[in-house]
Amino acid sequence: MKKNRAFLKWAGGKYPLLDDIQKHLPPGECLVEPFVGAGSVFLNTDYSRYILADINSDLIDLYNIVKQRTDEYVDEARKLFTPENNNQDVYYQYRAEFNQSQDKFRRALLFLYLNRHGYNGLCRYNLRGQFNVPFGRYKRPYFPQAELYHFAEKAQNAEFHCLSYEECMAHADVNSVVYCDPPYAPLSATANFTAYHTNSFSPAEQERLAEMAEKLVSKRIPVLISNHDTPDTREWYKAAAQFQVKVRRSISSNGGTRKKVDELLALYLP
């Protein structure tokens, strides 16, 4: 089966893990994702409905606009992908405009431009909530037209919400399956680069997520969680069936530095 790529580049995107995730995701009517990110799992599964959430309001606004105003969005976004705009000075002008703009449609256009022209497709904000990823220096940034149209078509059966993971998980009922892809637990104390958004995900939050998974499974709602395979995650998810997955993962543009890091899928089955 052909895999569908997300239209955004995303640190920690689930594209490399899709086969393993699909294998362990239980059947159900509705897939609930509290950490939708770039949406690779949503784009490559076949549930009749989706409830997709993220704490990043820029991301959710973008998804709702792509869903509701697809042609207009694609036409306008394409105009930003020109050789003249693939330039450091222009990039920083657009980044400044994005950080000042209150217009959701304009912000959604600039979000895609910044994602595809910024360094390694990172999505990072400073403590004032300003997007602060530097210019990426790509020869020819790719305009993801086919991916945008595929996303928009699939999104007709999805609802997108800007919610915390707790609020999102509260939407799950007995017809749901929940897939959680939280910011990953650090592999070491110094490796904590998971602060994609202004609020980083602490060990206490990781533990709370595991507790919520146990609550849902006691209500007959299955939950699958992905994370790094560490002694901490093994302990947090001790009530789940645990599957180790070997994956090549890196957001580095230098292929030689990609190391294999083991990941863990934790499945809570009623």
C-alpha atoms as a PDB file:
ATOM      1  CA  MET A   1       0.000   0.000   0.000  1.00  0.00           C
ATOM      2  CA  LYS A   2       1.299   3.446  -0.941  1.00  0.00           C
ATOM      3  CA  LYS A   3       2.117   5.586   2.060  1.00  0.00           C
ATOM      4  CA  ASN A   4       0.820   9.131   2.086  1.00  0.00           C
ATOM      5  CA  ARG A   5       3.171  11.855   3.222  1.00  0.00           C
ATOM      6  CA  ALA A   6       2.113  14.818   5.333  1.00  0.00           C
ATOM      7  CA  PHE A   7       2.312  18.239   3.683  1.00  0.00           C
ATOM      8  CA  LEU A   8       4.392  19.588   6.588  1.00  0.00           C
ATOM      9  CA  LYS A   9       7.917  18.576   7.531  1.00  0.00           C
ATOM     10  CA  TRP A  10       7.830  17.575  11.180  1.00  0.00           C
ATOM     11  CA  ALA A  11      10.433  16.714  13.796  1.00  0.00           C
ATOM     12  CA  GLY A  12       9.427  13.374  15.258  1.00  0.00           C
ATOM     13  CA  GLY A  13       6.975  12.695  12.430  1.00  0.00           C
ATOM     14  CA  LYS A  14       5.635   9.148  12.432  1.00  0.00           C
ATOM     15  CA  TYR A  15       6.167   8.340   8.744  1.00  0.00           C
ATOM     16  CA  PRO A  16       9.092   5.907   9.415  1.00  0.00           C
ATOM     17  CA  LEU A  17       7.044   4.031  12.053  1.00  0.00           C
ATOM     18  CA  LEU A  18       3.804   3.687  10.098  1.00  0.00           C
ATOM     19  CA  ASP A  19       3.994  -0.049   9.441  1.00  0.00           C
ATOM     20  CA  ASP A  20       4.464  -0.807  13.129  1.00  0.00           C
ATOM     21  CA  ILE A  21       1.780   1.632  14.250  1.00  0.00           C
ATOM     22  CA  GLN A  22      -0.749   0.283  11.733  1.00  0.00           C
ATOM     23  CA  LYS A  23       0.005  -3.248  12.907  1.00  0.00           C
ATOM     24  CA  HIS A  24      -0.809  -2.440  16.545  1.00  0.00           C
ATOM     25  CA  LEU A  25      -3.688   0.051  16.155  1.00  0.00           C
ATOM     26  CA  PRO A  26      -6.953  -1.733  17.043  1.00  0.00           C
ATOM     27  CA  PRO A  27     -10.004  -1.418  14.778  1.00  0.00           C
ATOM     28  CA  GLY A  28     -12.723   1.043  15.745  1.00  0.00           C
ATOM     29  CA  GLU A  29     -14.990   3.684  14.338  1.00  0.00           C
ATOM     30  CA  CYS A  30     -13.189   6.864  15.386  1.00  0.00           C
ATOM     31  CA  LEU A  31      -9.470   7.546  15.839  1.00  0.00           C
ATOM     32  CA  VAL A  32      -8.694  10.145  18.511  1.00  0.00           C
ATOM     33  CA  GLU A  33      -5.242  11.747  18.365  1.00  0.00           C
ATOM     34  CA  PRO A  34      -4.375  14.208  21.160  1.00  0.00           C
ATOM     35  CA  PHE A  35      -0.963  15.044  19.579  1.00  0.00           C
ATOM     36  CA  VAL A  36      -1.740  15.117  15.856  1.00  0.00           C
ATOM     37  CA  GLY A  37       1.503  16.821  14.733  1.00  0.00           C
ATOM     38  CA  ALA A  38       1.892  16.528  10.961  1.00  0.00           C
ATOM     39  CA  GLY A  39      -0.838  13.877  10.805  1.00  0.00           C
ATOM     40  CA  SER A  40       1.011  10.880   9.291  1.00  0.00           C
ATOM     41  CA  VAL A  41      -1.055   8.361  11.255  1.00  0.00           C
ATOM     42  CA  PHE A  42      -4.331  10.100  10.348  1.00  0.00           C
ATOM     43  CA  LEU A  43      -3.292  10.147   6.660  1.00  0.00           C
ATOM     44  CA  ASN A  44      -2.424   6.449   6.604  1.00  0.00           C
ATOM     45  CA  THR A  45      -5.273   4.822   8.514  1.00  0.00           C
ATOM     46  CA  ASP A  46      -8.828   4.092   7.532  1.00  0.00           C
ATOM     47  CA  TYR A  47     -11.238   5.014  10.345  1.00  0.00           C
ATOM     48  CA  SER A  48     -14.635   6.454   9.483  1.00  0.00           C
ATOM     49  CA  ARG A  49     -14.066   9.536  11.660  1.00  0.00           C
ATOM     50  CA  TYR A  50     -11.192  11.348  13.320  1.00  0.00           C
ATOM     51  CA  ILE A  51     -10.913  13.696  16.300  1.00  0.00           C
ATOM     52  CA  LEU A  52      -7.497  15.331  15.979  1.00  0.00           C
ATOM     53  CA  ALA A  53      -6.028  17.774  18.462  1.00  0.00           C
ATOM     54  CA  ASP A  54      -2.834  19.638  19.178  1.00  0.00           C
ATOM     55  CA  ILE A  55      -1.855  22.337  21.648  1.00  0.00           C
ATOM     56  CA  ASN A  56      -0.412  24.400  18.761  1.00  0.00           C
ATOM     57  CA  SER A  57      -3.183  26.751  17.591  1.00  0.00           C
ATOM     58  CA  ASP A  58      -1.257  27.684  14.402  1.00  0.00           C
ATOM     59  CA  LEU A  59      -1.302  24.046  13.354  1.00  0.00           C
ATOM     60  CA  ILE A  60      -5.021  23.567  14.054  1.00  0.00           C
ATOM     61  CA  ASP A  61      -5.988  26.832  12.310  1.00  0.00           C
ATOM     62  CA  LEU A  62      -3.932  25.739   9.294  1.00  0.00           C
ATOM     63  CA  TYR A  63      -5.661  22.341   9.162  1.00  0.00           C
ATOM     64  CA  ASN A  64      -9.135  23.856   9.374  1.00  0.00           C
ATOM     65  CA  ILE A  65      -8.307  26.306   6.581  1.00  0.00           C
ATOM     66  CA  VAL A  66      -6.864  23.565   4.332  1.00  0.00           C
ATOM     67  CA  LYS A  67     -10.020  21.530   5.018  1.00  0.00           C
ATOM     68  CA  GLN A  68     -12.520  24.339   4.333  1.00  0.00           C
ATOM     69  CA  ARG A  69     -10.813  26.599   1.777  1.00  0.00           C
ATOM     70  CA  THR A  70      -8.636  24.127  -0.085  1.00  0.00           C
ATOM     71  CA  ASP A  71      -8.378  25.632  -3.584  1.00  0.00           C
ATOM     72  CA  GLU A  72      -7.974  29.181  -2.331  1.00  0.00           C
ATOM     73  CA  TYR A  73      -5.330  28.082   0.152  1.00  0.00           C
ATOM     74  CA  VAL A  74      -3.308  26.067  -2.386  1.00  0.00           C
ATOM     75  CA  ASP A  75      -3.421  28.892  -4.971  1.00  0.00           C
ATOM     76  CA  GLU A  76      -2.257  31.532  -2.482  1.00  0.00           C
ATOM     77  CA  ALA A  77       0.361  29.348  -0.773  1.00  0.00           C
ATOM     78  CA  ARG A  78       1.925  28.419  -4.125  1.00  0.00           C
ATOM     79  CA  LYS A  79       2.702  32.109  -4.749  1.00  0.00           C
ATOM     80  CA  LEU A  80       5.129  32.100  -1.819  1.00  0.00           C
ATOM     81  CA  PHE A  81       7.206  29.258  -3.298  1.00  0.00           C
ATOM     82  CA  THR A  82       9.325  31.193  -5.791  1.00  0.00           C
ATOM     83  CA  PRO A  83      13.110  31.337  -6.271  1.00  0.00           C
ATOM     84  CA  GLU A  84      13.013  35.014  -5.118  1.00  0.00           C
ATOM     85  CA  ASN A  85      11.427  33.983  -1.820  1.00  0.00           C
ATOM     86  CA  ASN A  86      14.033  31.302  -1.164  1.00  0.00           C
ATOM     87  CA  ASN A  87      16.288  33.938   0.310  1.00  0.00           C
ATOM     88  CA  GLN A  88      17.441  34.614   3.828  1.00  0.00           C
ATOM     89  CA  ASP A  89      16.330  38.262   3.979  1.00  0.00           C
ATOM     90  CA  VAL A  90      12.884  37.490   2.565  1.00  0.00           C
ATOM     91  CA  TYR A  91      12.541  34.547   4.955  1.00  0.00           C
ATOM     92  CA  TYR A  92      13.199  36.765   8.006  1.00  0.00           C
ATOM     93  CA  GLN A  93      10.743  39.392   6.690  1.00  0.00           C
ATOM     94  CA  TYR A  94       8.040  36.737   6.341  1.00  0.00           C
ATOM     95  CA  ARG A  95       8.890  35.306   9.753  1.00  0.00           C
ATOM     96  CA  ALA A  96       8.494  38.765  11.319  1.00  0.00           C
ATOM     97  CA  GLU A  97       5.190  39.224   9.470  1.00  0.00           C
ATOM     98  CA  PHE A  98       3.969  35.841  10.732  1.00  0.00           C
ATOM     99  CA  ASN A  99       4.803  36.794  14.321  1.00  0.00           C
ATOM    100  CA  GLN A 100       2.882  40.081  14.022  1.00  0.00           C
ATOM    101  CA  SER A 101      -0.084  38.928  11.965  1.00  0.00           C
ATOM    102  CA  GLN A 102      -3.501  38.332  13.541  1.00  0.00           C
ATOM    103  CA  ASP A 103      -5.056  37.128  10.271  1.00  0.00           C
ATOM    104  CA  LYS A 104      -5.569  33.361  10.446  1.00  0.00           C
ATOM    105  CA  PHE A 105      -5.536  32.797   6.689  1.00  0.00           C
ATOM    106  CA  ARG A 106      -2.349  34.815   6.181  1.00  0.00           C
ATOM    107  CA  ARG A 107      -0.709  33.064   9.142  1.00  0.00           C
ATOM    108  CA  ALA A 108      -1.661  29.678   7.669  1.00  0.00           C
ATOM    109  CA  LEU A 109      -0.008  30.593   4.349  1.00  0.00           C
ATOM    110  CA  LEU A 110       3.145  31.804   6.077  1.00  0.00           C
ATOM    111  CA  PHE A 111       3.228  28.760   8.358  1.00  0.00           C
ATOM    112  CA  LEU A 112       3.645  26.463   5.334  1.00  0.00           C
ATOM    113  CA  TYR A 113       6.238  28.781   3.776  1.00  0.00           C
ATOM    114  CA  LEU A 114       8.243  28.885   7.039  1.00  0.00           C
ATOM    115  CA  ASN A 115       7.906  25.120   7.501  1.00  0.00           C
ATOM    116  CA  ARG A 116       9.336  24.381   4.045  1.00  0.00           C
ATOM    117  CA  HIS A 117      11.992  27.132   3.974  1.00  0.00           C
ATOM    118  CA  GLY A 118      13.085  27.032   7.634  1.00  0.00           C
ATOM    119  CA  TYR A 119      15.856  24.955   9.148  1.00  0.00           C
ATOM    120  CA  ASN A 120      15.032  21.227   9.089  1.00  0.00           C
ATOM    121  CA  GLY A 121      11.285  21.879   9.055  1.00  0.00           C
ATOM    122  CA  LEU A 122      11.366  22.605  12.768  1.00  0.00           C
ATOM    123  CA  CYS A 123       8.419  24.215  14.517  1.00  0.00           C
ATOM    124  CA  ARG A 124       9.701  26.117  17.503  1.00  0.00           C
ATOM    125  CA  TYR A 125       8.579  29.180  19.440  1.00  0.00           C
ATOM    126  CA  ASN A 126      10.343  31.317  22.019  1.00  0.00           C
ATOM    127  CA  LEU A 127       8.821  32.035  25.435  1.00  0.00           C
ATOM    128  CA  ARG A 128       6.965  35.044  24.017  1.00  0.00           C
ATOM    129  CA  GLY A 129       5.256  32.664  21.621  1.00  0.00           C
ATOM    130  CA  GLN A 130       7.160  33.907  18.559  1.00  0.00           C
ATOM    131  CA  PHE A 131       8.211  31.467  15.848  1.00  0.00           C
ATOM    132  CA  ASN A 132      12.024  31.526  15.891  1.00  0.00           C
ATOM    133  CA  VAL A 133      13.360  28.873  13.485  1.00  0.00           C
ATOM    134  CA  PRO A 134      16.270  30.142  11.331  1.00  0.00           C
ATOM    135  CA  PHE A 135      16.464  30.050   7.522  1.00  0.00           C
ATOM    136  CA  GLY A 136      17.065  26.584   6.078  1.00  0.00           C
ATOM    137  CA  ARG A 137      19.132  27.130   2.893  1.00  0.00           C
ATOM    138  CA  TYR A 138      17.416  24.572   0.665  1.00  0.00           C
ATOM    139  CA  LYS A 139      18.160  24.598  -3.057  1.00  0.00           C
ATOM    140  CA  ARG A 140      14.537  24.313  -4.074  1.00  0.00           C
ATOM    141  CA  PRO A 141      11.874  24.019  -1.357  1.00  0.00           C
ATOM    142  CA  TYR A 142       9.146  21.597  -2.379  1.00  0.00           C
ATOM    143  CA  PHE A 143       5.569  22.859  -2.708  1.00  0.00           C
ATOM    144  CA  PRO A 144       3.397  19.978  -1.418  1.00  0.00           C
ATOM    145  CA  GLN A 145       0.368  20.438  -3.678  1.00  0.00           C
ATOM    146  CA  ALA A 146      -0.621  16.767  -3.995  1.00  0.00           C
ATOM    147  CA  GLU A 147      -0.161  16.292  -0.238  1.00  0.00           C
ATOM    148  CA  LEU A 148      -2.350  19.324   0.529  1.00  0.00           C
ATOM    149  CA  TYR A 149      -5.180  18.029  -1.668  1.00  0.00           C
ATOM    150  CA  HIS A 150      -4.943  14.555  -0.189  1.00  0.00           C
ATOM    151  CA  PHE A 151      -5.017  16.004   3.332  1.00  0.00           C
ATOM    152  CA  ALA A 152      -8.046  18.175   2.507  1.00  0.00           C
ATOM    153  CA  GLU A 153      -9.976  15.224   1.089  1.00  0.00           C
ATOM    154  CA  LYS A 154      -9.233  13.028   4.096  1.00  0.00           C
ATOM    155  CA  ALA A 155      -9.985  15.941   6.461  1.00  0.00           C
ATOM    156  CA  GLN A 156     -13.648  15.943   5.415  1.00  0.00           C
ATOM    157  CA  ASN A 157     -14.108  13.083   7.916  1.00  0.00           C
ATOM    158  CA  ALA A 158     -12.022  14.761  10.614  1.00  0.00           C
ATOM    159  CA  GLU A 159     -12.479  17.473  13.195  1.00  0.00           C
ATOM    160  CA  PHE A 160      -9.490  19.507  14.377  1.00  0.00           C
ATOM    161  CA  HIS A 161      -9.343  21.070  17.836  1.00  0.00           C
ATOM    162  CA  CYS A 162      -6.795  23.120  19.741  1.00  0.00           C
ATOM    163  CA  LEU A 163      -6.915  21.246  23.061  1.00  0.00           C
ATOM    164  CA  SER A 164      -4.678  19.821  25.731  1.00  0.00           C
ATOM    165  CA  TYR A 165      -4.198  16.057  25.562  1.00  0.00           C
ATOM    166  CA  GLU A 166      -6.438  15.642  28.632  1.00  0.00           C
ATOM    167  CA  GLU A 167      -9.300  17.585  27.055  1.00  0.00           C
ATOM    168  CA  CYS A 168      -8.895  15.673  23.810  1.00  0.00           C
ATOM    169  CA  MET A 169      -8.861  12.259  25.499  1.00  0.00           C
ATOM    170  CA  ALA A 170     -12.117  13.171  27.230  1.00  0.00           C
ATOM    171  CA  HIS A 171     -13.749  13.102  23.757  1.00  0.00           C
ATOM    172  CA  ALA A 172     -13.058   9.373  23.367  1.00  0.00           C
ATOM    173  CA  ASP A 173     -15.987   6.959  23.749  1.00  0.00           C
ATOM    174  CA  VAL A 174     -16.434   3.195  23.369  1.00  0.00           C
ATOM    175  CA  ASN A 175     -16.369   3.480  19.550  1.00  0.00           C
ATOM    176  CA  SER A 176     -12.972   5.193  19.680  1.00  0.00           C
ATOM    177  CA  VAL A 177      -9.358   4.156  19.480  1.00  0.00           C
ATOM    178  CA  VAL A 178      -6.823   6.611  20.938  1.00  0.00           C
ATOM    179  CA  TYR A 179      -3.319   7.077  19.500  1.00  0.00           C
ATOM    180  CA  CYS A 180      -0.910   9.247  21.505  1.00  0.00           C
ATOM    181  CA  ASP A 181       2.369  10.555  20.134  1.00  0.00           C
ATOM    182  CA  PRO A 182       3.556  12.819  22.964  1.00  0.00           C
ATOM    183  CA  PRO A 183       6.775  14.839  22.807  1.00  0.00           C
ATOM    184  CA  TYR A 184       9.335  12.112  23.362  1.00  0.00           C
ATOM    185  CA  ALA A 185      10.984  11.435  26.701  1.00  0.00           C
ATOM    186  CA  PRO A 186      14.618  12.592  26.529  1.00  0.00           C
ATOM    187  CA  LEU A 187      17.208   9.861  25.977  1.00  0.00           C
ATOM    188  CA  SER A 188      19.447  11.649  28.476  1.00  0.00           C
ATOM    189  CA  ALA A 189      19.202  14.629  30.806  1.00  0.00           C
ATOM    190  CA  THR A 190      20.973  16.841  28.266  1.00  0.00           C
ATOM    191  CA  ALA A 191      18.990  15.687  25.245  1.00  0.00           C
ATOM    192  CA  ASN A 192      15.782  17.423  26.158  1.00  0.00           C
ATOM    193  CA  PHE A 193      14.983  19.020  22.821  1.00  0.00           C
ATOM    194  CA  THR A 194      11.276  18.245  23.057  1.00  0.00           C
ATOM    195  CA  ALA A 195      10.132  21.808  23.766  1.00  0.00           C
ATOM    196  CA  TYR A 196       8.518  22.272  20.332  1.00  0.00           C
ATOM    197  CA  HIS A 197       5.958  24.538  21.865  1.00  0.00           C
ATOM    198  CA  THR A 198       6.441  27.044  24.650  1.00  0.00           C
ATOM    199  CA  ASN A 199       5.335  24.516  27.281  1.00  0.00           C
ATOM    200  CA  SER A 200       7.583  21.492  27.374  1.00  0.00           C
ATOM    201  CA  PHE A 201       6.351  18.053  28.317  1.00  0.00           C
ATOM    202  CA  SER A 202       7.766  17.074  31.716  1.00  0.00           C
ATOM    203  CA  PRO A 203       8.205  13.567  33.165  1.00  0.00           C
ATOM    204  CA  ALA A 204       5.174  14.328  35.357  1.00  0.00           C
ATOM    205  CA  GLU A 205       3.106  14.958  32.201  1.00  0.00           C
ATOM    206  CA  GLN A 206       4.405  11.721  30.673  1.00  0.00           C
ATOM    207  CA  GLU A 207       3.260   9.842  33.773  1.00  0.00           C
ATOM    208  CA  ARG A 208      -0.091  11.595  33.762  1.00  0.00           C
ATOM    209  CA  LEU A 209      -0.604  10.542  30.134  1.00  0.00           C
ATOM    210  CA  ALA A 210       0.023   6.900  31.076  1.00  0.00           C
ATOM    211  CA  GLU A 211      -2.483   7.200  33.953  1.00  0.00           C
ATOM    212  CA  MET A 212      -5.088   8.583  31.573  1.00  0.00           C
ATOM    213  CA  ALA A 213      -4.473   5.690  29.180  1.00  0.00           C
ATOM    214  CA  GLU A 214      -5.129   3.268  32.051  1.00  0.00           C
ATOM    215  CA  LYS A 215      -8.377   5.114  32.861  1.00  0.00           C
ATOM    216  CA  LEU A 216      -9.575   4.936  29.266  1.00  0.00           C
ATOM    217  CA  VAL A 217      -8.788   1.247  28.905  1.00  0.00           C
ATOM    218  CA  SER A 218     -10.810   0.566  32.059  1.00  0.00           C
ATOM    219  CA  LYS A 219     -13.742   2.142  30.151  1.00  0.00           C
ATOM    220  CA  ARG A 220     -13.100  -0.296  27.277  1.00  0.00           C
ATOM    221  CA  ILE A 221     -11.315   2.266  25.072  1.00  0.00           C
ATOM    222  CA  PRO A 222      -7.990   1.017  23.599  1.00  0.00           C
ATOM    223  CA  VAL A 223      -4.963   3.336  23.637  1.00  0.00           C
ATOM    224  CA  LEU A 224      -1.665   3.112  21.724  1.00  0.00           C
ATOM    225  CA  ILE A 225       1.276   5.331  22.790  1.00  0.00           C
ATOM    226  CA  SER A 226       4.614   5.784  21.008  1.00  0.00           C
ATOM    227  CA  ASN A 227       7.773   7.011  22.744  1.00  0.00           C
ATOM    228  CA  HIS A 228      11.498   6.378  23.065  1.00  0.00           C
ATOM    229  CA  ASP A 229      12.360   3.024  24.591  1.00  0.00           C
ATOM    230  CA  THR A 230      13.945   3.985  27.932  1.00  0.00           C
ATOM    231  CA  PRO A 231      13.773   2.610  31.474  1.00  0.00           C
ATOM    232  CA  ASP A 232      11.379   5.490  32.283  1.00  0.00           C
ATOM    233  CA  THR A 233       8.933   4.742  29.473  1.00  0.00           C
ATOM    234  CA  ARG A 234       9.025   1.014  30.274  1.00  0.00           C
ATOM    235  CA  GLU A 235       8.039   1.904  33.838  1.00  0.00           C
ATOM    236  CA  TRP A 236       5.343   4.462  32.897  1.00  0.00           C
ATOM    237  CA  TYR A 237       3.661   2.029  30.513  1.00  0.00           C
ATOM    238  CA  LYS A 238       3.989  -1.076  32.689  1.00  0.00           C
ATOM    239  CA  ALA A 239       0.230  -1.699  32.485  1.00  0.00           C
ATOM    240  CA  ALA A 240       0.425  -1.974  28.674  1.00  0.00           C
ATOM    241  CA  ALA A 241       1.676  -4.573  26.197  1.00  0.00           C
ATOM    242  CA  GLN A 242       5.069  -3.214  25.064  1.00  0.00           C
ATOM    243  CA  PHE A 243       6.568  -3.595  21.588  1.00  0.00           C
ATOM    244  CA  GLN A 244      10.101  -2.490  20.759  1.00  0.00           C
ATOM    245  CA  VAL A 245      10.555  -0.911  17.330  1.00  0.00           C
ATOM    246  CA  LYS A 246      13.880  -0.257  15.621  1.00  0.00           C
ATOM    247  CA  VAL A 247      13.783   2.909  13.593  1.00  0.00           C
ATOM    248  CA  ARG A 248      16.169   5.247  11.816  1.00  0.00           C
ATOM    249  CA  ARG A 249      15.302   8.614  13.115  1.00  0.00           C
ATOM    250  CA  SER A 250      16.831  11.996  12.683  1.00  0.00           C
ATOM    251  CA  ILE A 251      15.875  15.388  11.448  1.00  0.00           C
ATOM    252  CA  SER A 252      19.486  16.044  10.501  1.00  0.00           C
ATOM    253  CA  SER A 253      20.170  16.877   6.867  1.00  0.00           C
ATOM    254  CA  ASN A 254      23.447  14.972   7.148  1.00  0.00           C
ATOM    255  CA  GLY A 255      22.450  11.361   6.494  1.00  0.00           C
ATOM    256  CA  GLY A 256      25.659   9.998   7.986  1.00  0.00           C
ATOM    257  CA  THR A 257      24.713  11.066  11.505  1.00  0.00           C
ATOM    258  CA  ARG A 258      21.435   9.138  11.610  1.00  0.00           C
ATOM    259  CA  LYS A 259      21.575   6.716  14.517  1.00  0.00           C
ATOM    260  CA  LYS A 260      19.156   3.954  15.282  1.00  0.00           C
ATOM    261  CA  VAL A 261      17.177   4.719  18.387  1.00  0.00           C
ATOM    262  CA  ASP A 262      14.814   2.094  19.711  1.00  0.00           C
ATOM    263  CA  GLU A 263      11.239   3.193  20.119  1.00  0.00           C
ATOM    264  CA  LEU A 264       8.466   1.728  22.180  1.00  0.00           C
ATOM    265  CA  LEU A 265       4.823   1.172  21.312  1.00  0.00           C
ATOM    266  CA  ALA A 266       2.643   0.679  24.380  1.00  0.00           C
ATOM    267  CA  LEU A 267      -0.772  -0.853  23.736  1.00  0.00           C
ATOM    268  CA  TYR A 268      -3.547  -0.673  26.324  1.00  0.00           C
ATOM    269  CA  LEU A 269      -6.216  -3.169  25.250  1.00  0.00           C
ATOM    270  CA  PRO A 270      -9.500  -3.648  27.126  1.00  0.00           C
END
